[in-house]
Protein backbone atom coordinates (compact mmCIF):
# COMPACT_ATOMS: atom_id res chain seq x y z
CA UNK A 1 -31.92 -74.27 52.66
CA UNK A 2 -33.74 -71.07 52.37
CA UNK A 3 -32.14 -69.59 55.63
CA UNK A 4 -28.86 -70.87 53.98
CA UNK A 5 -29.77 -68.98 50.35
CA UNK A 6 -30.62 -65.86 52.64
CA UNK A 7 -26.99 -65.94 54.56
CA UNK A 8 -25.41 -66.13 51.58
CA UNK A 9 -27.10 -63.63 49.67
CA UNK A 10 -26.43 -61.19 52.99
CA UNK A 11 -22.64 -62.37 52.95
CA UNK A 12 -22.72 -61.11 49.22
CA UNK A 13 -24.75 -58.11 49.92
CA UNK A 14 -21.90 -57.24 53.07
CA UNK A 15 -19.07 -58.22 50.76
CA UNK A 16 -20.49 -55.89 47.92
CA UNK A 17 -21.16 -53.08 50.35
CA UNK A 18 -17.68 -53.25 51.89
CA UNK A 19 -15.93 -53.28 48.31
CA UNK A 20 -17.74 -50.34 47.32
CA UNK A 21 -16.81 -48.74 50.41
CA UNK A 22 -13.51 -49.40 49.97
CA UNK A 23 -13.48 -48.15 46.45
CA UNK A 24 -15.00 -44.58 47.62
CA UNK A 25 -12.49 -44.36 50.28
CA UNK A 26 -9.62 -44.97 48.00
CA UNK A 27 -11.46 -42.37 45.58
CA UNK A 28 -11.76 -40.21 48.36
CA UNK A 29 -8.24 -40.13 49.59
CA UNK A 30 -7.01 -39.69 45.82
CA UNK A 31 -9.03 -36.59 45.80
CA UNK A 32 -7.52 -35.31 49.31
CA UNK A 33 -3.68 -36.06 47.73
CA UNK A 34 -4.82 -34.22 44.74
CA UNK A 35 -6.09 -31.17 46.74
CA UNK A 36 -2.87 -30.98 48.87
CA UNK A 37 -0.92 -31.34 45.57
CA UNK A 38 -2.87 -28.49 43.93
CA UNK A 39 -2.36 -26.72 47.29
CA UNK A 40 1.07 -26.98 47.05
CA UNK A 41 0.96 -25.78 43.78
CA UNK A 42 -0.33 -22.62 44.34
CA UNK A 43 1.73 -21.75 47.25
CA UNK A 44 4.83 -22.60 45.14
CA UNK A 45 3.35 -20.38 42.08
CA UNK A 46 2.80 -17.29 45.01
CA UNK A 47 6.36 -17.64 46.13
CA UNK A 48 7.25 -17.53 42.45
CA UNK A 49 5.31 -14.74 41.38
CA UNK A 50 6.73 -12.96 44.67
CA UNK A 51 10.23 -14.04 43.53
CA UNK A 52 9.13 -12.25 40.13
CA UNK A 53 7.74 -8.83 41.10
CA UNK A 54 11.10 -8.83 43.43
CA UNK A 55 13.33 -9.40 40.61
CA UNK A 56 11.53 -7.17 38.37
CA UNK A 57 11.71 -4.52 40.98
CA UNK A 58 15.43 -4.91 41.65
CA UNK A 59 16.10 -4.56 37.49
CA UNK A 60 14.02 -1.52 37.59
CA UNK A 61 15.84 0.21 40.04
CA UNK A 62 19.21 -0.79 38.24
CA UNK A 63 17.73 0.52 35.27
CA UNK A 64 17.10 3.91 36.81
CA UNK A 65 20.62 3.83 38.68
CA UNK A 66 22.41 2.82 35.25
CA UNK A 67 20.52 5.71 33.67
CA UNK A 68 21.45 8.29 36.00
CA UNK A 69 25.05 7.19 35.93
CA UNK A 70 24.58 7.29 31.91
CA UNK A 71 23.50 11.35 32.39
CA UNK A 72 25.95 12.56 34.47
CA UNK A 73 28.57 10.72 32.29
CA UNK A 74 27.50 12.40 29.77
CA UNK A 75 26.91 16.03 31.69
CA UNK A 76 30.67 15.40 32.79
CA UNK A 77 32.06 14.81 29.11
CA UNK A 78 30.10 17.51 28.14
CA UNK A 79 31.70 19.89 30.47
CA UNK A 80 35.43 18.44 30.42
CA UNK A 81 34.54 18.97 26.29
CA UNK A 82 33.47 22.59 26.89
CA UNK A 83 36.42 23.10 29.23
CA UNK A 84 38.64 22.13 26.50
CA UNK A 85 37.32 24.25 24.35
CA UNK A 86 37.72 27.48 26.22
CA UNK A 87 41.32 26.25 27.03
CA UNK A 88 41.92 25.81 23.36
CA UNK A 89 40.24 29.62 22.50
CA UNK A 90 42.39 30.89 25.31
CA UNK A 91 45.22 29.25 24.19
CA UNK A 92 44.74 30.64 20.66
CA UNK A 93 44.11 34.40 21.42
CA UNK A 94 47.16 34.50 23.45
């Protein structure tokens, strides 16, 4: 009877160990999944940041081109206005 009790106790202990092992395995698997997800999110953040930086550079260059075009247009308008004034003054003096 004592041997039977010892055998049952050993089987129970083995079962407890297996449950603990499988439980730890599932916890470890979940941590690995979370680590992989975090890694994917970090990579995505890097790509998004890179795209945002590229877009900012693109927007800045476009703003600079537009400002230069506005300056040229203003200069051209001033020259045309000056030319028209000279022509009107020349027409008056004739």
